[in-house]
Amino acid sequence: MMFRFAVNPRWPDLPNCSGLLHGFPRAYSVSDYRTTLSIKTVRRGSAWYETPQGRYLVTPDTFLVLNEGQHYSMEVNAASNTETFCPFFQPGFVQAGEFCERLYPMRGSVADAIRSFGKVPLEDAFYDLAGALLVLRGDVRKESDSFPGLRASTREEMYRRLYRARDFLYSCYGEPLSVADAAQIAAMSPFHFQRMFKNAFGISPMQFLQRRRLQIARDLLVATEDDVTSICLSVGFESLGSFSALFKRAFGVPPSGIRRIREAAVQQPL
């Protein structure tokens, strides 16, 4: 088979090559596109992706793997100053079965391969990325083997369902969420989901969500001028008092203290 490689090919040509789509900040959306095997990343900002399986917020510290034949929609808000960076693989280029559709942390050999684009020849970058994906697939198989279930197929299904719910909590932190909401995403009863989630990740679903909200709040306090109340509400907390108490317990200082530390650092003479 003849393989072709391109940067920002035309949409009709994309299924017939391994193409890198590199987009710069602007309002952008895609509706119900049937993809080849692809990796969704952003260099800065964020992008929402939705498939029949889940909703995913892709940020610079994550990447999303979508399998060949998957339908997805995506949306980028111009105000988010997002720069997308998405490799698509020509069918047949990666000889492997399906990958687990989930958000992965931007680290390891896949992250190294993604960062190599523009530093090495385009064809080399795609071969390196394909090899890194196969390693990732093996790592996922090992991790899924540790999940509850007597049969390998049961463990793999449990892995997919729990990560689908975990990605939902990770991405939709600003919404009012409950254990029942996440359990519905995992297609499990709330009681069963609560127990399996904690067994798999060592933390309850609501503890995971709380940590995510607090970390986002901390990032916003450092990076923006938004007031504490606005940040509190934007990350999903309903009470400023409970938010401040939880924040201080997690980081050792109240939200206003993070601001003061940042301002003191800016004013520090060189």
Protein backbone atom coordinates (compact mmCIF):
# COMPACT_ATOMS: atom_id res chain seq x y z
CA MET A 1 0.00 0.00 0.00
CA MET A 2 1.21 3.50 -0.85
CA PHE A 3 1.18 5.86 2.12
CA ARG A 4 0.96 9.63 1.73
CA PHE A 5 1.67 12.37 4.25
CA ALA A 6 0.46 15.97 4.33
CA VAL A 7 0.05 19.02 6.54
CA ASN A 8 -3.43 20.57 6.52
CA PRO A 9 -4.75 18.55 3.55
CA ARG A 10 -8.19 19.33 2.14
CA TRP A 11 -10.99 17.55 4.01
CA PRO A 12 -11.84 15.30 0.99
CA ASP A 13 -8.18 14.18 0.86
CA LEU A 14 -7.84 13.45 4.58
CA PRO A 15 -9.08 9.81 4.48
CA ASN A 16 -6.47 9.03 1.81
CA CYS A 17 -3.35 10.17 3.64
CA SER A 18 -1.77 10.56 7.05
CA GLY A 19 -2.44 14.21 7.66
CA LEU A 20 -1.65 16.72 10.36
CA LEU A 21 -4.39 19.30 10.89
CA HIS A 22 -2.93 22.32 12.63
CA GLY A 23 -5.44 25.07 13.37
CA PHE A 24 -4.97 28.53 14.81
CA PRO A 25 -7.27 30.49 17.14
CA ARG A 26 -10.76 31.07 15.74
CA ALA A 27 -14.29 29.87 16.26
CA TYR A 28 -14.54 26.41 14.73
CA SER A 29 -16.86 23.42 14.77
CA VAL A 30 -17.23 20.01 13.17
CA SER A 31 -20.49 18.06 13.12
CA ASP A 32 -20.76 14.25 12.92
CA TYR A 33 -17.48 13.65 11.09
CA ARG A 34 -16.44 10.02 10.48
CA THR A 35 -12.74 9.94 11.31
CA THR A 36 -9.82 7.73 10.54
CA LEU A 37 -7.66 6.76 13.53
CA SER A 38 -6.76 10.15 14.97
CA ILE A 39 -5.33 11.91 18.00
CA LYS A 40 -6.89 15.13 19.25
CA THR A 41 -4.59 17.61 20.98
CA VAL A 42 -4.32 21.34 21.50
CA ARG A 43 -1.16 23.38 21.84
CA ARG A 44 -3.04 25.97 23.88
CA GLY A 45 -6.63 26.66 24.89
CA SER A 46 -9.18 23.86 24.85
CA ALA A 47 -11.55 22.01 22.51
CA TRP A 48 -14.72 20.03 23.18
CA TYR A 49 -15.18 16.68 21.46
CA GLU A 50 -18.33 14.56 21.57
CA THR A 51 -18.83 11.00 20.33
CA PRO A 52 -21.68 8.52 20.88
CA GLN A 53 -19.59 7.24 23.81
CA GLY A 54 -18.80 10.45 25.67
CA ARG A 55 -17.87 14.14 25.97
CA TYR A 56 -14.24 15.18 26.29
CA LEU A 57 -12.52 18.47 27.06
CA VAL A 58 -9.09 18.35 25.43
CA THR A 59 -6.49 20.65 26.99
CA PRO A 60 -2.71 20.96 26.53
CA ASP A 61 -2.08 18.36 29.25
CA THR A 62 -4.28 15.67 27.64
CA PHE A 63 -4.86 13.92 24.33
CA LEU A 64 -7.85 11.98 23.01
CA VAL A 65 -7.60 8.88 20.81
CA LEU A 66 -10.48 8.21 18.40
CA ASN A 67 -10.68 4.99 16.41
CA GLU A 68 -11.17 4.61 12.67
CA GLY A 69 -14.84 4.87 11.79
CA GLN A 70 -15.81 6.82 14.91
CA HIS A 71 -18.23 9.72 14.42
CA TYR A 72 -17.48 12.87 16.39
CA SER A 73 -18.39 16.52 16.70
CA MET A 74 -16.09 19.20 18.04
CA GLU A 75 -16.28 22.85 18.99
CA VAL A 76 -13.70 25.55 19.66
CA ASN A 77 -14.61 28.94 21.06
CA ALA A 78 -12.60 31.78 19.53
CA ALA A 79 -12.32 33.43 22.95
CA SER A 80 -10.38 30.40 24.26
CA ASN A 81 -7.39 31.27 22.03
CA THR A 82 -7.13 27.60 21.05
CA GLU A 83 -4.54 26.11 18.73
CA THR A 84 -5.45 22.58 17.64
CA PHE A 85 -2.87 19.98 16.58
CA CYS A 86 -4.42 16.72 15.35
CA PRO A 87 -2.68 13.85 13.51
CA PHE A 88 -4.92 11.59 11.38
CA PHE A 89 -3.64 8.20 10.20
CA GLN A 90 -4.25 6.82 6.72
CA PRO A 91 -6.26 3.58 6.97
CA GLY A 92 -3.90 0.60 7.17
CA PHE A 93 -0.96 2.63 8.43
CA VAL A 94 -1.28 1.47 12.06
CA GLN A 95 -1.61 -2.32 12.19
CA ALA A 96 -3.50 -2.85 15.44
CA GLY A 97 -6.94 -3.41 16.84
CA GLU A 98 -9.04 -0.73 18.44
CA PHE A 99 -7.64 1.69 20.97
CA CYS A 100 -9.48 2.67 24.12
CA GLU A 101 -11.34 5.91 23.45
CA ARG A 102 -10.42 8.08 26.43
CA LEU A 103 -8.44 11.09 27.57
CA TYR A 104 -4.78 10.28 28.22
CA PRO A 105 -2.26 12.45 30.08
CA MET A 106 0.15 14.24 27.75
CA ARG A 107 3.26 12.37 28.75
CA GLY A 108 5.37 9.39 27.75
CA SER A 109 6.30 8.23 24.28
CA VAL A 110 3.09 9.48 22.63
CA ALA A 111 3.67 13.00 23.98
CA ASP A 112 7.31 12.88 22.82
CA ALA A 113 6.24 11.77 19.35
CA ILE A 114 3.59 14.51 19.11
CA ARG A 115 6.15 17.13 20.11
CA SER A 116 8.55 15.84 17.44
CA PHE A 117 6.27 17.10 14.63
CA GLY A 118 8.02 20.01 12.94
CA LYS A 119 11.42 18.89 14.29
CA VAL A 120 11.79 15.73 12.19
CA PRO A 121 10.55 14.87 8.67
CA LEU A 122 6.76 14.47 8.61
CA GLU A 123 6.90 10.80 7.59
CA ASP A 124 9.31 10.01 10.43
CA ALA A 125 7.00 11.77 12.90
CA PHE A 126 4.02 9.65 11.85
CA TYR A 127 6.01 6.40 12.11
CA ASP A 128 7.26 7.40 15.56
CA LEU A 129 3.74 8.29 16.67
CA ALA A 130 2.33 5.00 15.34
CA GLY A 131 4.96 3.06 17.30
CA ALA A 132 4.20 5.03 20.45
CA LEU A 133 0.48 4.28 20.05
CA LEU A 134 1.18 0.56 19.92
CA VAL A 135 3.17 0.83 23.14
CA LEU A 136 0.28 2.77 24.69
CA ARG A 137 -2.15 0.07 23.62
CA GLY A 138 -0.04 -2.52 25.40
CA ASP A 139 0.09 -0.37 28.53
CA VAL A 140 -3.69 -0.01 28.49
CA ARG A 141 -4.10 -3.76 28.19
CA LYS A 142 -1.89 -4.26 31.24
CA GLU A 143 -3.83 -1.66 33.21
CA SER A 144 -7.20 -3.13 32.23
CA ASP A 145 -5.99 -6.55 33.38
CA SER A 146 -5.90 -5.13 36.93
CA PHE A 147 -9.56 -4.07 36.82
CA PRO A 148 -12.31 -6.16 38.46
CA GLY A 149 -13.66 -9.12 36.52
CA LEU A 150 -13.01 -12.81 36.08
CA ARG A 151 -12.76 -12.71 32.29
CA ALA A 152 -10.48 -10.49 30.20
CA SER A 153 -13.47 -9.20 28.19
CA THR A 154 -15.24 -8.23 31.44
CA ARG A 155 -12.18 -6.36 32.73
CA GLU A 156 -11.75 -4.53 29.41
CA GLU A 157 -15.40 -3.46 29.40
CA MET A 158 -15.14 -2.29 33.03
CA TYR A 159 -12.02 -0.30 32.11
CA ARG A 160 -13.81 1.45 29.25
CA ARG A 161 -16.90 2.26 31.30
CA LEU A 162 -15.05 3.61 34.30
CA TYR A 163 -12.70 5.75 32.22
CA ARG A 164 -15.67 7.04 30.23
CA ALA A 165 -17.23 8.24 33.49
CA ARG A 166 -13.88 9.55 34.77
CA ASP A 167 -13.41 11.59 31.58
CA PHE A 168 -16.95 12.91 31.99
CA LEU A 169 -16.18 14.16 35.51
CA TYR A 170 -12.81 15.54 34.36
CA SER A 171 -14.31 17.42 31.41
CA CYS A 172 -17.65 18.62 32.79
CA TYR A 173 -16.41 19.82 36.19
CA GLY A 174 -18.23 23.16 35.84
CA GLU A 175 -21.64 21.50 35.70
CA PRO A 176 -23.73 20.37 38.71
CA LEU A 177 -22.81 16.66 38.83
CA SER A 178 -23.67 13.73 41.05
CA VAL A 179 -22.60 10.11 41.42
CA ALA A 180 -25.81 9.14 39.61
CA ASP A 181 -24.87 11.34 36.62
CA ALA A 182 -21.46 9.67 36.27
CA ALA A 183 -22.94 6.22 36.87
CA GLN A 184 -25.35 6.80 34.00
CA ILE A 185 -22.41 7.54 31.70
CA ALA A 186 -20.83 4.26 32.81
CA ALA A 187 -24.16 2.42 32.35
CA MET A 188 -24.00 1.15 35.94
CA SER A 189 -26.09 1.53 39.08
CA PRO A 190 -24.84 4.34 41.38
CA PHE A 191 -23.93 1.92 44.19
CA HIS A 192 -22.03 -0.45 41.90
CA PHE A 193 -20.33 2.46 40.13
CA GLN A 194 -19.26 4.10 43.40
CA ARG A 195 -17.62 0.87 44.56
CA MET A 196 -15.94 0.02 41.22
CA PHE A 197 -14.65 3.57 40.67
CA LYS A 198 -13.02 3.63 44.10
CA ASN A 199 -11.53 0.16 43.60
CA ALA A 200 -10.09 1.19 40.24
CA PHE A 201 -8.76 4.67 41.03
CA GLY A 202 -8.33 4.67 44.81
CA ILE A 203 -10.65 7.63 45.21
CA SER A 204 -14.41 8.17 45.09
CA PRO A 205 -16.05 9.86 42.08
CA MET A 206 -16.94 12.97 44.08
CA GLN A 207 -13.44 13.20 45.57
CA PHE A 208 -12.03 13.01 42.05
CA LEU A 209 -14.41 15.77 40.91
CA GLN A 210 -13.58 17.94 43.92
CA ARG A 211 -9.84 17.66 43.27
CA ARG A 212 -10.37 18.55 39.62
CA ARG A 213 -12.44 21.63 40.50
CA LEU A 214 -9.91 22.84 43.06
CA GLN A 215 -7.00 22.43 40.65
CA ILE A 216 -8.82 24.35 37.91
CA ALA A 217 -9.69 27.07 40.43
CA ARG A 218 -6.05 27.33 41.44
CA ASP A 219 -4.99 27.64 37.79
CA LEU A 220 -7.57 30.37 37.19
CA LEU A 221 -6.47 32.31 40.26
CA VAL A 222 -2.90 32.27 38.97
CA ALA A 223 -3.63 32.95 35.29
CA THR A 224 -6.60 35.35 35.33
CA GLU A 225 -7.89 38.46 37.07
CA ASP A 226 -11.35 36.95 37.69
CA ASP A 227 -12.65 37.49 41.21
CA VAL A 228 -12.76 34.58 43.66
CA THR A 229 -16.55 34.32 43.64
CA SER A 230 -16.71 34.09 39.85
CA ILE A 231 -14.04 31.40 39.83
CA CYS A 232 -15.78 29.50 42.60
CA LEU A 233 -19.03 29.35 40.61
CA SER A 234 -17.32 28.66 37.25
CA VAL A 235 -15.71 25.45 38.49
CA GLY A 236 -18.94 24.06 39.92
CA PHE A 237 -18.95 25.08 43.59
CA GLU A 238 -22.18 26.60 44.89
CA SER A 239 -20.91 27.98 48.23
CA LEU A 240 -18.02 30.41 48.49
CA GLY A 241 -17.49 29.46 52.13
CA SER A 242 -17.14 25.73 51.48
CA PHE A 243 -14.97 26.42 48.42
CA SER A 244 -12.58 28.58 50.44
CA ALA A 245 -12.36 26.01 53.24
CA LEU A 246 -11.70 23.13 50.83
CA PHE A 247 -9.17 25.22 48.91
CA LYS A 248 -7.20 26.07 52.05
CA ARG A 249 -7.24 22.43 53.14
CA ALA A 250 -5.90 21.33 49.74
CA PHE A 251 -3.26 24.04 49.16
CA GLY A 252 -2.47 25.42 52.60
CA VAL A 253 -3.65 28.96 51.82
CA PRO A 254 -7.08 30.48 51.02
CA PRO A 255 -7.91 31.47 47.42
CA SER A 256 -6.96 35.09 48.13
CA GLY A 257 -3.59 33.85 49.37
CA ILE A 258 -2.78 32.35 45.98
CA ARG A 259 -3.47 35.77 44.44
CA ARG A 260 -1.17 37.51 46.90
CA ILE A 261 1.62 35.00 46.25
CA ARG A 262 1.28 35.58 42.52
CA GLU A 263 1.28 39.37 42.87
CA ALA A 264 4.32 39.26 45.15
CA ALA A 265 6.18 37.16 42.58
CA VAL A 266 5.33 39.62 39.80
CA GLN A 267 6.60 42.54 41.88
CA GLN A 268 9.81 40.77 42.92
CA PRO A 269 12.78 42.79 41.53
CA LEU A 270 15.15 40.98 39.17
